[in-house]
Amino acid sequence: MPVTSITKDPEALTITVVADFAATVERLWDAYVDPRQIERFWGPPDLPAQFLRHDATTGGRSVYRLAVPDGEHVTCYWDWVSVDPHRSFEVRDGDPEGGTDDRPGRPGEGIDSMLFVFEATATGSRLTTTTRFESAEGMATMLRTGMEEGAEAAMGQIDGVLADLHSFATEVPAHAQILGDTQVRVSRIIRGTQQQVWRAHHEPALLQRWLLGPDGWTMPVCRVATTPGESYRYEWEKGEERFGFEGELLESAAPYRSVTTERPIDLPVGLEGSVNELTLTPVDGGTLLTLLITYPSAEVRDMVLATGMTGGMETSYRRLETQLLAPA
């Protein structure tokens, strides 16, 4: 088992878990900041987590669902206090309205914060996780409910994730994963810096060079929203064919997160479109692009996926890499 020690300090209200892995610090770090990877080990082996948001940046937020034995889900939140890439990060339990989650009965009740420290070793890397509690009662409760056993189980699952180099490699094309009845997550590592990929998504002159889908299309209309509340409009054409999307920018936190609504320009007024949450995370080899799309229904989700959406996105991402981000 990767866990080499578990230390409880009742006076400091902390539990510290030390685990060693036969992988580089960079590989271990990516396993924590990539939502596709962390959800494979965060939570019990039979009830894995599902990350809907994972900012991995100071001031950011994570939102994940945990299954519970009765078949339902509970939603959990982290607020990212600090991030020092490849060295450490600290998160605090959050609530839906922001701030510390002090609601009675919440998952992880009693936990105040968690500090993760990454170090290189002669045989790979070491992760030291320090969990701080709000009270002695909260700490005792978590220990009684099996926190130590849960930590060992989670760390045991990391080895398998770290060994899986293919699923998360830069060569893997855009992949769509269905997360629920109405949600799809599209992921791809883009070979470029976070700032470069952000600019490519938010500057009209750049968007018109790569966001074209299959060859032969052009983008004559590219009106970008830069401030929450503003509207955007994109239109593409190929010969006599023409289509487009419009929507509103809801959130923007450069260079890592933006949230927009999206609806086809010919969609009748009053019908719902989708909500798109874009997150950019620096990882080994480039920038992990994560796009969480929430559709108005499962039927609309399936209809959009059947159009070959992911294939068209992959064509655009390859164009982005080769025409905008390739070294001179």
C-alpha atoms as a PDB file:
ATOM      1  CA  MET A   1       0.000   0.000   0.000  1.00  0.00           C
ATOM      2  CA  PRO A   2       1.259   3.533  -0.752  1.00  0.00           C
ATOM      3  CA  VAL A   3       0.418   4.817   2.752  1.00  0.00           C
ATOM      4  CA  THR A   4       3.547   4.815   4.918  1.00  0.00           C
ATOM      5  CA  SER A   5       2.215   6.611   7.998  1.00  0.00           C
ATOM      6  CA  ILE A   6      -0.895   8.142   9.559  1.00  0.00           C
ATOM      7  CA  THR A   7      -0.364  10.578  12.419  1.00  0.00           C
ATOM      8  CA  LYS A   8      -3.160  11.955  14.612  1.00  0.00           C
ATOM      9  CA  ASP A   9      -2.608  15.143  16.614  1.00  0.00           C
ATOM     10  CA  PRO A  10      -5.613  15.802  18.892  1.00  0.00           C
ATOM     11  CA  GLU A  11      -4.150  19.087  20.154  1.00  0.00           C
ATOM     12  CA  ALA A  12      -3.604  20.533  16.679  1.00  0.00           C
ATOM     13  CA  LEU A  13      -6.847  18.881  15.451  1.00  0.00           C
ATOM     14  CA  THR A  14      -5.038  17.321  12.476  1.00  0.00           C
ATOM     15  CA  ILE A  15      -4.569  13.973  10.803  1.00  0.00           C
ATOM     16  CA  THR A  16      -1.532  13.654   8.538  1.00  0.00           C
ATOM     17  CA  VAL A  17      -1.265  10.895   5.931  1.00  0.00           C
ATOM     18  CA  VAL A  18       2.036  10.229   4.176  1.00  0.00           C
ATOM     19  CA  ALA A  19       2.053   8.130   1.007  1.00  0.00           C
ATOM     20  CA  ASP A  20       4.864   7.230  -1.393  1.00  0.00           C
ATOM     21  CA  PHE A  21       4.482   6.512  -5.102  1.00  0.00           C
ATOM     22  CA  ALA A  22       6.708   5.186  -7.869  1.00  0.00           C
ATOM     23  CA  ALA A  23       5.873   8.112 -10.141  1.00  0.00           C
ATOM     24  CA  THR A  24       7.212  11.610 -10.688  1.00  0.00           C
ATOM     25  CA  VAL A  25       5.850  14.595  -8.789  1.00  0.00           C
ATOM     26  CA  GLU A  26       4.508  15.976 -12.078  1.00  0.00           C
ATOM     27  CA  ARG A  27       2.565  12.773 -12.780  1.00  0.00           C
ATOM     28  CA  LEU A  28       1.156  12.679  -9.239  1.00  0.00           C
ATOM     29  CA  TRP A  29       0.217  16.379  -9.381  1.00  0.00           C
ATOM     30  CA  ASP A  30      -1.660  15.890 -12.644  1.00  0.00           C
ATOM     31  CA  ALA A  31      -3.662  13.063 -11.082  1.00  0.00           C
ATOM     32  CA  TYR A  32      -5.032  15.551  -8.540  1.00  0.00           C
ATOM     33  CA  VAL A  33      -5.692  18.560 -10.810  1.00  0.00           C
ATOM     34  CA  ASP A  34      -7.246  16.596 -13.691  1.00  0.00           C
ATOM     35  CA  PRO A  35     -10.948  15.904 -12.954  1.00  0.00           C
ATOM     36  CA  ARG A  36     -10.866  12.769 -15.123  1.00  0.00           C
ATOM     37  CA  GLN A  37      -8.177  11.306 -12.887  1.00  0.00           C
ATOM     38  CA  ILE A  38      -9.041  12.472  -9.371  1.00  0.00           C
ATOM     39  CA  GLU A  39     -12.574  11.127  -9.655  1.00  0.00           C
ATOM     40  CA  ARG A  40     -11.089   7.649 -10.152  1.00  0.00           C
ATOM     41  CA  PHE A  41      -9.702   7.610  -6.622  1.00  0.00           C
ATOM     42  CA  TRP A  42     -11.467  10.322  -4.610  1.00  0.00           C
ATOM     43  CA  GLY A  43     -14.087   8.440  -2.663  1.00  0.00           C
ATOM     44  CA  PRO A  44     -14.672   4.792  -1.734  1.00  0.00           C
ATOM     45  CA  PRO A  45     -13.757   2.220  -4.425  1.00  0.00           C
ATOM     46  CA  ASP A  46     -17.411   1.218  -4.843  1.00  0.00           C
ATOM     47  CA  LEU A  47     -18.794   4.777  -4.698  1.00  0.00           C
ATOM     48  CA  PRO A  48     -16.476   6.978  -6.781  1.00  0.00           C
ATOM     49  CA  ALA A  49     -16.770  10.747  -6.984  1.00  0.00           C
ATOM     50  CA  GLN A  50     -17.839  12.644 -10.082  1.00  0.00           C
ATOM     51  CA  PHE A  51     -16.239  16.060 -10.536  1.00  0.00           C
ATOM     52  CA  LEU A  52     -18.399  18.666 -12.259  1.00  0.00           C
ATOM     53  CA  ARG A  53     -16.001  21.549 -11.639  1.00  0.00           C
ATOM     54  CA  HIS A  54     -12.329  21.494 -10.697  1.00  0.00           C
ATOM     55  CA  ASP A  55     -10.555  24.852 -11.003  1.00  0.00           C
ATOM     56  CA  ALA A  56      -7.210  23.891  -9.376  1.00  0.00           C
ATOM     57  CA  THR A  57      -6.192  27.527  -8.984  1.00  0.00           C
ATOM     58  CA  THR A  58      -6.053  29.992  -6.089  1.00  0.00           C
ATOM     59  CA  GLY A  59      -9.541  31.399  -5.586  1.00  0.00           C
ATOM     60  CA  GLY A  60     -11.095  28.612  -7.628  1.00  0.00           C
ATOM     61  CA  ARG A  61     -13.714  26.056  -6.712  1.00  0.00           C
ATOM     62  CA  SER A  62     -14.352  22.351  -7.101  1.00  0.00           C
ATOM     63  CA  VAL A  63     -17.786  20.745  -7.149  1.00  0.00           C
ATOM     64  CA  TYR A  64     -18.179  17.000  -7.023  1.00  0.00           C
ATOM     65  CA  ARG A  65     -20.887  14.455  -6.426  1.00  0.00           C
ATOM     66  CA  LEU A  66     -20.488  11.466  -4.140  1.00  0.00           C
ATOM     67  CA  ALA A  67     -22.792   8.491  -4.394  1.00  0.00           C
ATOM     68  CA  VAL A  68     -24.293   7.249  -1.149  1.00  0.00           C
ATOM     69  CA  PRO A  69     -25.548   3.709  -0.449  1.00  0.00           C
ATOM     70  CA  ASP A  70     -29.240   4.534  -0.957  1.00  0.00           C
ATOM     71  CA  GLY A  71     -28.599   5.366  -4.604  1.00  0.00           C
ATOM     72  CA  GLU A  72     -28.715   9.125  -4.182  1.00  0.00           C
ATOM     73  CA  HIS A  73     -25.878  11.667  -4.505  1.00  0.00           C
ATOM     74  CA  VAL A  74     -24.555  14.385  -2.254  1.00  0.00           C
ATOM     75  CA  THR A  75     -22.786  17.420  -3.648  1.00  0.00           C
ATOM     76  CA  CYS A  76     -19.510  18.551  -2.081  1.00  0.00           C
ATOM     77  CA  TYR A  77     -17.463  21.708  -2.553  1.00  0.00           C
ATOM     78  CA  TRP A  78     -13.861  22.820  -2.217  1.00  0.00           C
ATOM     79  CA  ASP A  79     -12.646  26.392  -2.199  1.00  0.00           C
ATOM     80  CA  TRP A  80      -9.015  26.594  -3.331  1.00  0.00           C
ATOM     81  CA  VAL A  81      -7.038  28.621  -0.788  1.00  0.00           C
ATOM     82  CA  SER A  82      -3.595  28.394  -2.410  1.00  0.00           C
ATOM     83  CA  VAL A  83      -1.817  26.626  -5.256  1.00  0.00           C
ATOM     84  CA  ASP A  84       1.941  26.236  -5.725  1.00  0.00           C
ATOM     85  CA  PRO A  85       2.231  24.045  -8.849  1.00  0.00           C
ATOM     86  CA  HIS A  86       3.952  20.691  -8.295  1.00  0.00           C
ATOM     87  CA  ARG A  87       4.578  21.608  -4.646  1.00  0.00           C
ATOM     88  CA  SER A  88       1.348  22.094  -2.719  1.00  0.00           C
ATOM     89  CA  PHE A  89      -2.269  23.139  -2.671  1.00  0.00           C
ATOM     90  CA  GLU A  90      -4.775  23.822   0.096  1.00  0.00           C
ATOM     91  CA  VAL A  91      -8.557  23.590  -0.073  1.00  0.00           C
ATOM     92  CA  ARG A  92     -11.364  24.284   2.382  1.00  0.00           C
ATOM     93  CA  ASP A  93     -14.818  22.787   2.560  1.00  0.00           C
ATOM     94  CA  GLY A  94     -17.210  25.174   0.843  1.00  0.00           C
ATOM     95  CA  ASP A  95     -20.941  25.569   0.494  1.00  0.00           C
ATOM     96  CA  PRO A  96     -23.149  26.410  -2.534  1.00  0.00           C
ATOM     97  CA  GLU A  97     -23.299  30.082  -1.575  1.00  0.00           C
ATOM     98  CA  GLY A  98     -19.551  30.432  -1.044  1.00  0.00           C
ATOM     99  CA  GLY A  99     -17.562  30.473   2.179  1.00  0.00           C
ATOM    100  CA  THR A 100     -17.054  27.741   4.749  1.00  0.00           C
ATOM    101  CA  ASP A 101     -19.668  25.007   4.845  1.00  0.00           C
ATOM    102  CA  ASP A 102     -20.879  24.756   8.436  1.00  0.00           C
ATOM    103  CA  ARG A 103     -24.205  23.111   7.705  1.00  0.00           C
ATOM    104  CA  PRO A 104     -24.996  20.235  10.091  1.00  0.00           C
ATOM    105  CA  GLY A 105     -24.760  16.768   8.603  1.00  0.00           C
ATOM    106  CA  ARG A 106     -22.777  17.691   5.498  1.00  0.00           C
ATOM    107  CA  PRO A 107     -20.379  15.111   4.003  1.00  0.00           C
ATOM    108  CA  GLY A 108     -17.040  15.485   5.751  1.00  0.00           C
ATOM    109  CA  GLU A 109     -18.650  17.344   8.649  1.00  0.00           C
ATOM    110  CA  GLY A 110     -16.013  18.781  10.939  1.00  0.00           C
ATOM    111  CA  ILE A 111     -13.279  19.171   8.304  1.00  0.00           C
ATOM    112  CA  ASP A 112     -11.940  22.697   8.039  1.00  0.00           C
ATOM    113  CA  SER A 113      -9.179  22.375   5.427  1.00  0.00           C
ATOM    114  CA  MET A 114      -6.851  19.972   3.643  1.00  0.00           C
ATOM    115  CA  LEU A 115      -3.231  20.689   2.704  1.00  0.00           C
ATOM    116  CA  PHE A 116      -1.537  18.527   0.054  1.00  0.00           C
ATOM    117  CA  VAL A 117       2.279  18.699  -0.168  1.00  0.00           C
ATOM    118  CA  PHE A 118       4.173  17.024  -3.041  1.00  0.00           C
ATOM    119  CA  GLU A 119       7.862  16.104  -2.829  1.00  0.00           C
ATOM    120  CA  ALA A 120      10.296  14.237  -5.075  1.00  0.00           C
ATOM    121  CA  THR A 121      12.013  11.193  -3.578  1.00  0.00           C
ATOM    122  CA  ALA A 122      14.747   8.836  -4.722  1.00  0.00           C
ATOM    123  CA  THR A 123      12.144   6.325  -5.862  1.00  0.00           C
ATOM    124  CA  GLY A 124       9.430   8.662  -7.152  1.00  0.00           C
ATOM    125  CA  SER A 125       7.307  11.066  -5.127  1.00  0.00           C
ATOM    126  CA  ARG A 126       5.749  11.578  -1.713  1.00  0.00           C
ATOM    127  CA  LEU A 127       2.375  13.105  -0.909  1.00  0.00           C
ATOM    128  CA  THR A 128       1.692  14.432   2.592  1.00  0.00           C
ATOM    129  CA  THR A 129      -1.955  15.238   3.235  1.00  0.00           C
ATOM    130  CA  THR A 130      -2.851  17.154   6.398  1.00  0.00           C
ATOM    131  CA  THR A 131      -6.522  17.368   7.275  1.00  0.00           C
ATOM    132  CA  ARG A 132      -7.454  20.034   9.826  1.00  0.00           C
ATOM    133  CA  PHE A 133     -10.693  19.784  11.782  1.00  0.00           C
ATOM    134  CA  GLU A 134     -12.963  22.445  13.216  1.00  0.00           C
ATOM    135  CA  SER A 135     -13.287  20.738  16.590  1.00  0.00           C
ATOM    136  CA  ALA A 136     -12.214  17.722  18.619  1.00  0.00           C
ATOM    137  CA  GLU A 137     -15.744  16.375  18.275  1.00  0.00           C
ATOM    138  CA  GLY A 138     -15.596  16.630  14.495  1.00  0.00           C
ATOM    139  CA  MET A 139     -12.242  14.877  14.402  1.00  0.00           C
ATOM    140  CA  ALA A 140     -13.502  12.064  16.634  1.00  0.00           C
ATOM    141  CA  THR A 141     -16.600  11.631  14.495  1.00  0.00           C
ATOM    142  CA  MET A 142     -14.584  11.296  11.287  1.00  0.00           C
ATOM    143  CA  LEU A 143     -12.269   8.752  12.876  1.00  0.00           C
ATOM    144  CA  ARG A 144     -15.231   6.694  14.111  1.00  0.00           C
ATOM    145  CA  THR A 145     -16.754   6.669  10.619  1.00  0.00           C
ATOM    146  CA  GLY A 146     -13.626   5.174   9.063  1.00  0.00           C
ATOM    147  CA  MET A 147     -11.561   8.100   7.841  1.00  0.00           C
ATOM    148  CA  GLU A 148      -8.274   6.219   8.224  1.00  0.00           C
ATOM    149  CA  GLU A 149      -9.529   3.229   6.286  1.00  0.00           C
ATOM    150  CA  GLY A 150     -10.960   5.533   3.625  1.00  0.00           C
ATOM    151  CA  ALA A 151      -7.637   7.335   3.211  1.00  0.00           C
ATOM    152  CA  GLU A 152      -5.785   4.069   2.754  1.00  0.00           C
ATOM    153  CA  ALA A 153      -8.342   2.860   0.202  1.00  0.00           C
ATOM    154  CA  ALA A 154      -8.133   6.110  -1.773  1.00  0.00           C
ATOM    155  CA  MET A 155      -4.337   6.085  -1.836  1.00  0.00           C
ATOM    156  CA  GLY A 156      -4.419   2.466  -2.942  1.00  0.00           C
ATOM    157  CA  GLN A 157      -6.482   3.440  -5.977  1.00  0.00           C
ATOM    158  CA  ILE A 158      -4.011   6.138  -7.057  1.00  0.00           C
ATOM    159  CA  ASP A 159      -1.413   3.571  -8.141  1.00  0.00           C
ATOM    160  CA  GLY A 160      -3.697   2.328 -10.895  1.00  0.00           C
ATOM    161  CA  VAL A 161      -4.384   5.851 -12.123  1.00  0.00           C
ATOM    162  CA  LEU A 162      -0.690   6.741 -12.160  1.00  0.00           C
ATOM    163  CA  ALA A 163       0.106   3.616 -14.165  1.00  0.00           C
ATOM    164  CA  ASP A 164      -2.475   4.533 -16.814  1.00  0.00           C
ATOM    165  CA  LEU A 165      -0.393   6.740 -19.081  1.00  0.00           C
ATOM    166  CA  HIS A 166      -2.438   6.237 -22.246  1.00  0.00           C
ATOM    167  CA  SER A 167      -5.858   7.541 -21.116  1.00  0.00           C
ATOM    168  CA  PHE A 168      -4.498  10.952 -20.177  1.00  0.00           C
ATOM    169  CA  ALA A 169      -1.723  11.430 -22.760  1.00  0.00           C
ATOM    170  CA  THR A 170      -1.411  14.507 -24.950  1.00  0.00           C
ATOM    171  CA  GLU A 171      -2.017  12.309 -28.010  1.00  0.00           C
ATOM    172  CA  VAL A 172      -5.526  11.325 -26.897  1.00  0.00           C
ATOM    173  CA  PRO A 173      -8.177  13.110 -29.027  1.00  0.00           C
ATOM    174  CA  ALA A 174     -11.129  15.040 -27.644  1.00  0.00           C
ATOM    175  CA  HIS A 175     -13.306  12.714 -25.611  1.00  0.00           C
ATOM    176  CA  ALA A 176     -16.916  13.163 -24.478  1.00  0.00           C
ATOM    177  CA  GLN A 177     -17.993  11.552 -21.212  1.00  0.00           C
ATOM    178  CA  ILE A 178     -21.649  11.460 -20.173  1.00  0.00           C
ATOM    179  CA  LEU A 179     -21.892  12.539 -16.523  1.00  0.00           C
ATOM    180  CA  GLY A 180     -25.640  12.451 -16.052  1.00  0.00           C
ATOM    181  CA  ASP A 181     -29.001  12.763 -17.764  1.00  0.00           C
ATOM    182  CA  THR A 182     -28.203  16.209 -19.130  1.00  0.00           C
ATOM    183  CA  GLN A 183     -24.446  16.697 -18.730  1.00  0.00           C
ATOM    184  CA  VAL A 184     -21.465  15.865 -20.930  1.00  0.00           C
ATOM    185  CA  ARG A 185     -17.806  16.602 -20.229  1.00  0.00           C
ATOM    186  CA  VAL A 186     -15.442  17.045 -23.179  1.00  0.00           C
ATOM    187  CA  SER A 187     -11.733  16.828 -22.344  1.00  0.00           C
ATOM    188  CA  ARG A 188      -8.520  17.267 -24.293  1.00  0.00           C
ATOM    189  CA  ILE A 189      -4.938  18.312 -23.573  1.00  0.00           C
ATOM    190  CA  ILE A 190      -3.946  21.189 -25.869  1.00  0.00           C
ATOM    191  CA  ARG A 191      -0.216  21.561 -26.562  1.00  0.00           C
ATOM    192  CA  GLY A 192       0.099  25.172 -25.472  1.00  0.00           C
ATOM    193  CA  THR A 193       0.230  27.296 -22.349  1.00  0.00           C
ATOM    194  CA  GLN A 194      -2.868  28.203 -20.351  1.00  0.00           C
ATOM    195  CA  GLN A 195      -2.572  31.834 -21.455  1.00  0.00           C
ATOM    196  CA  GLN A 196      -2.208  30.865 -25.134  1.00  0.00           C
ATOM    197  CA  VAL A 197      -5.256  28.603 -25.044  1.00  0.00           C
ATOM    198  CA  TRP A 198      -7.301  31.243 -23.224  1.00  0.00           C
ATOM    199  CA  ARG A 199      -6.432  33.884 -25.837  1.00  0.00           C
ATOM    200  CA  ALA A 200      -7.286  31.484 -28.630  1.00  0.00           C
ATOM    201  CA  HIS A 201     -10.786  31.114 -27.154  1.00  0.00           C
ATOM    202  CA  HIS A 202     -11.402  34.820 -26.545  1.00  0.00           C
ATOM    203  CA  GLU A 203      -9.824  36.847 -29.361  1.00  0.00           C
ATOM    204  CA  PRO A 204     -11.912  37.060 -32.551  1.00  0.00           C
ATOM    205  CA  ALA A 205      -8.951  37.089 -34.962  1.00  0.00           C
ATOM    206  CA  LEU A 206      -7.661  33.855 -33.413  1.00  0.00           C
ATOM    207  CA  LEU A 207     -11.039  32.139 -33.153  1.00  0.00           C
ATOM    208  CA  GLN A 208     -11.675  32.736 -36.848  1.00  0.00           C
ATOM    209  CA  ARG A 209      -8.480  30.857 -37.693  1.00  0.00           C
ATOM    210  CA  TRP A 210      -9.132  27.612 -35.808  1.00  0.00           C
ATOM    211  CA  LEU A 211     -12.732  27.226 -34.565  1.00  0.00           C
ATOM    212  CA  LEU A 212     -13.950  25.963 -37.940  1.00  0.00           C
ATOM    213  CA  GLY A 213     -14.685  22.265 -37.572  1.00  0.00           C
ATOM    214  CA  PRO A 214     -14.226  20.242 -40.771  1.00  0.00           C
ATOM    215  CA  ASP A 215     -12.205  21.770 -43.604  1.00  0.00           C
ATOM    216  CA  GLY A 216     -14.018  24.109 -45.957  1.00  0.00           C
ATOM    217  CA  TRP A 217     -15.900  26.187 -43.395  1.00  0.00           C
ATOM    218  CA  THR A 218     -15.245  29.831 -42.582  1.00  0.00           C
ATOM    219  CA  MET A 219     -16.366  31.993 -39.659  1.00  0.00           C
ATOM    220  CA  PRO A 220     -17.536  35.352 -41.054  1.00  0.00           C
ATOM    221  CA  VAL A 221     -19.279  36.431 -37.831  1.00  0.00           C
ATOM    222  CA  CYS A 222     -17.326  36.295 -34.569  1.00  0.00           C
ATOM    223  CA  ARG A 223     -18.642  38.686 -31.917  1.00  0.00           C
ATOM    224  CA  VAL A 224     -17.026  37.826 -28.597  1.00  0.00           C
ATOM    225  CA  ALA A 225     -18.379  38.664 -25.134  1.00  0.00           C
ATOM    226  CA  THR A 226     -15.683  39.896 -22.751  1.00  0.00           C
ATOM    227  CA  THR A 227     -17.715  40.999 -19.704  1.00  0.00           C
ATOM    228  CA  PRO A 228     -20.360  38.940 -17.871  1.00  0.00           C
ATOM    229  CA  GLY A 229     -23.774  39.987 -19.118  1.00  0.00           C
ATOM    230  CA  GLU A 230     -22.598  40.656 -22.668  1.00  0.00           C
ATOM    231  CA  SER A 231     -23.839  38.627 -25.626  1.00  0.00           C
ATOM    232  CA  TYR A 232     -21.803  36.816 -28.251  1.00  0.00           C
ATOM    233  CA  ARG A 233     -22.613  35.487 -31.715  1.00  0.00           C
ATOM    234  CA  TYR A 234     -20.689  33.066 -33.936  1.00  0.00           C
ATOM    235  CA  GLU A 235     -21.674  32.124 -37.503  1.00  0.00           C
ATOM    236  CA  TRP A 236     -20.064  29.678 -39.931  1.00  0.00           C
ATOM    237  CA  GLU A 237     -20.604  29.198 -43.664  1.00  0.00           C
ATOM    238  CA  LYS A 238     -19.609  26.826 -46.449  1.00  0.00           C
ATOM    239  CA  GLY A 239     -21.013  27.665 -49.855  1.00  0.00           C
ATOM    240  CA  GLU A 240     -24.762  28.068 -49.405  1.00  0.00           C
ATOM    241  CA  GLU A 241     -24.762  26.446 -45.975  1.00  0.00           C
ATOM    242  CA  ARG A 242     -24.785  28.654 -42.896  1.00  0.00           C
ATOM    243  CA  PHE A 243     -25.418  28.145 -39.182  1.00  0.00           C
ATOM    244  CA  GLY A 244     -24.488  29.786 -35.911  1.00  0.00           C
ATOM    245  CA  PHE A 245     -24.807  30.088 -32.154  1.00  0.00           C
ATOM    246  CA  GLU A 246     -25.445  32.944 -29.780  1.00  0.00           C
ATOM    247  CA  GLY A 247     -25.559  33.352 -26.048  1.00  0.00           C
ATOM    248  CA  GLU A 248     -24.474  35.277 -22.985  1.00  0.00           C
ATOM    249  CA  LEU A 249     -21.287  35.296 -20.962  1.00  0.00           C
ATOM    250  CA  LEU A 250     -22.263  34.420 -17.378  1.00  0.00           C
ATOM    251  CA  GLU A 251     -18.836  34.157 -15.665  1.00  0.00           C
ATOM    252  CA  SER A 252     -15.256  34.941 -16.624  1.00  0.00           C
ATOM    253  CA  ALA A 253     -12.080  34.365 -14.605  1.00  0.00           C
ATOM    254  CA  ALA A 254      -9.109  34.640 -16.965  1.00  0.00           C
ATOM    255  CA  PRO A 255      -7.155  32.587 -17.781  1.00  0.00           C
ATOM    256  CA  TYR A 256      -8.849  29.497 -16.398  1.00  0.00           C
ATOM    257  CA  ARG A 257     -12.666  29.627 -16.415  1.00  0.00           C
ATOM    258  CA  SER A 258     -15.606  30.995 -18.374  1.00  0.00           C
ATOM    259  CA  VAL A 259     -19.299  30.104 -18.386  1.00  0.00           C
ATOM    260  CA  THR A 260     -21.662  30.873 -21.253  1.00  0.00           C
ATOM    261  CA  THR A 261     -25.145  30.039 -22.430  1.00  0.00           C
ATOM    262  CA  GLU A 262     -25.453  28.723 -25.980  1.00  0.00           C
ATOM    263  CA  ARG A 263     -28.375  28.361 -28.355  1.00  0.00           C
ATOM    264  CA  PRO A 264     -28.633  27.909 -32.135  1.00  0.00           C
ATOM    265  CA  ILE A 265     -29.525  31.211 -33.796  1.00  0.00           C
ATOM    266  CA  ASP A 266     -32.555  29.578 -35.430  1.00  0.00           C
ATOM    267  CA  LEU A 267     -33.888  28.137 -32.164  1.00  0.00           C
ATOM    268  CA  PRO A 268     -37.363  29.553 -31.473  1.00  0.00           C
ATOM    269  CA  VAL A 269     -37.449  32.138 -28.703  1.00  0.00           C
ATOM    270  CA  GLY A 270     -38.398  30.582 -25.381  1.00  0.00           C
ATOM    271  CA  LEU A 271     -36.726  27.246 -25.980  1.00  0.00           C
ATOM    272  CA  GLU A 272     -33.697  26.445 -23.862  1.00  0.00           C
ATOM    273  CA  GLY A 273     -30.155  26.052 -25.066  1.00  0.00           C
ATOM    274  CA  SER A 274     -27.162  24.729 -23.150  1.00  0.00           C
ATOM    275  CA  VAL A 275     -24.800  26.077 -20.485  1.00  0.00           C
ATOM    276  CA  ASN A 276     -21.088  25.616 -21.249  1.00  0.00           C
ATOM    277  CA  GLU A 277     -18.424  25.719 -18.519  1.00  0.00           C
ATOM    278  CA  LEU A 278     -14.864  25.966 -19.872  1.00  0.00           C
ATOM    279  CA  THR A 279     -11.929  25.240 -17.545  1.00  0.00           C
ATOM    280  CA  LEU A 280      -8.236  25.410 -18.507  1.00  0.00           C
ATOM    281  CA  THR A 281      -5.704  23.631 -16.271  1.00  0.00           C
ATOM    282  CA  PRO A 282      -1.906  23.529 -16.765  1.00  0.00           C
ATOM    283  CA  VAL A 283      -0.709  19.912 -16.912  1.00  0.00           C
ATOM    284  CA  ASP A 284       2.365  18.068 -18.101  1.00  0.00           C
ATOM    285  CA  GLY A 285       2.553  18.537 -21.876  1.00  0.00           C
ATOM    286  CA  GLY A 286       0.215  21.503 -22.206  1.00  0.00           C
ATOM    287  CA  THR A 287      -3.181  22.690 -20.979  1.00  0.00           C
ATOM    288  CA  LEU A 288      -6.076  20.431 -20.084  1.00  0.00           C
ATOM    289  CA  LEU A 289      -9.249  21.816 -21.638  1.00  0.00           C
ATOM    290  CA  THR A 290     -12.411  20.703 -19.867  1.00  0.00           C
ATOM    291  CA  LEU A 291     -15.817  21.701 -21.235  1.00  0.00           C
ATOM    292  CA  LEU A 292     -18.844  20.765 -19.130  1.00  0.00           C
ATOM    293  CA  ILE A 293     -22.030  21.092 -21.184  1.00  0.00           C
ATOM    294  CA  THR A 294     -25.432  21.044 -19.507  1.00  0.00           C
ATOM    295  CA  TYR A 295     -28.310  20.433 -21.920  1.00  0.00           C
ATOM    296  CA  PRO A 296     -32.011  21.094 -21.246  1.00  0.00           C
ATOM    297  CA  SER A 297     -32.819  17.363 -21.547  1.00  0.00           C
ATOM    298  CA  ALA A 298     -31.322  13.956 -22.219  1.00  0.00           C
ATOM    299  CA  GLU A 299     -33.013  13.967 -25.619  1.00  0.00           C
ATOM    300  CA  VAL A 300     -31.238  17.160 -26.651  1.00  0.00           C
ATOM    301  CA  ARG A 301     -27.954  15.802 -25.272  1.00  0.00           C
ATOM    302  CA  ASP A 302     -28.225  12.639 -27.352  1.00  0.00           C
ATOM    303  CA  MET A 303     -29.281  14.538 -30.460  1.00  0.00           C
ATOM    304  CA  VAL A 304     -26.235  16.822 -30.252  1.00  0.00           C
ATOM    305  CA  LEU A 305     -23.818  13.958 -29.611  1.00  0.00           C
ATOM    306  CA  ALA A 306     -25.243  12.099 -32.616  1.00  0.00           C
ATOM    307  CA  THR A 307     -24.220  14.965 -34.914  1.00  0.00           C
ATOM    308  CA  GLY A 308     -20.551  14.065 -34.458  1.00  0.00           C
ATOM    309  CA  MET A 309     -19.894  17.082 -32.242  1.00  0.00           C
ATOM    310  CA  THR A 310     -16.789  15.586 -30.629  1.00  0.00           C
ATOM    311  CA  GLY A 311     -15.195  14.779 -33.987  1.00  0.00           C
ATOM    312  CA  GLY A 312     -15.729  18.331 -35.189  1.00  0.00           C
ATOM    313  CA  MET A 313     -14.224  19.688 -31.989  1.00  0.00           C
ATOM    314  CA  GLU A 314     -11.183  17.447 -32.388  1.00  0.00           C
ATOM    315  CA  THR A 315     -10.619  18.765 -35.919  1.00  0.00           C
ATOM    316  CA  SER A 316     -10.699  22.311 -34.572  1.00  0.00           C
ATOM    317  CA  TYR A 317      -8.352  21.510 -31.676  1.00  0.00           C
ATOM    318  CA  ARG A 318      -5.821  19.938 -34.066  1.00  0.00           C
ATOM    319  CA  ARG A 319      -5.999  23.081 -36.176  1.00  0.00           C
ATOM    320  CA  LEU A 320      -5.469  25.194 -33.058  1.00  0.00           C
ATOM    321  CA  GLU A 321      -2.312  23.258 -32.205  1.00  0.00           C
ATOM    322  CA  THR A 322      -0.805  23.150 -35.682  1.00  0.00           C
ATOM    323  CA  GLN A 323      -1.681  26.640 -36.932  1.00  0.00           C
ATOM    324  CA  LEU A 324      -1.645  28.816 -33.814  1.00  0.00           C
ATOM    325  CA  LEU A 325       0.397  27.052 -31.146  1.00  0.00           C
ATOM    326  CA  ALA A 326       3.036  25.106 -33.085  1.00  0.00           C
ATOM    327  CA  PRO A 327       6.610  26.347 -32.424  1.00  0.00           C
ATOM    328  CA  ALA A 328       7.947  28.688 -35.124  1.00  0.00           C
END
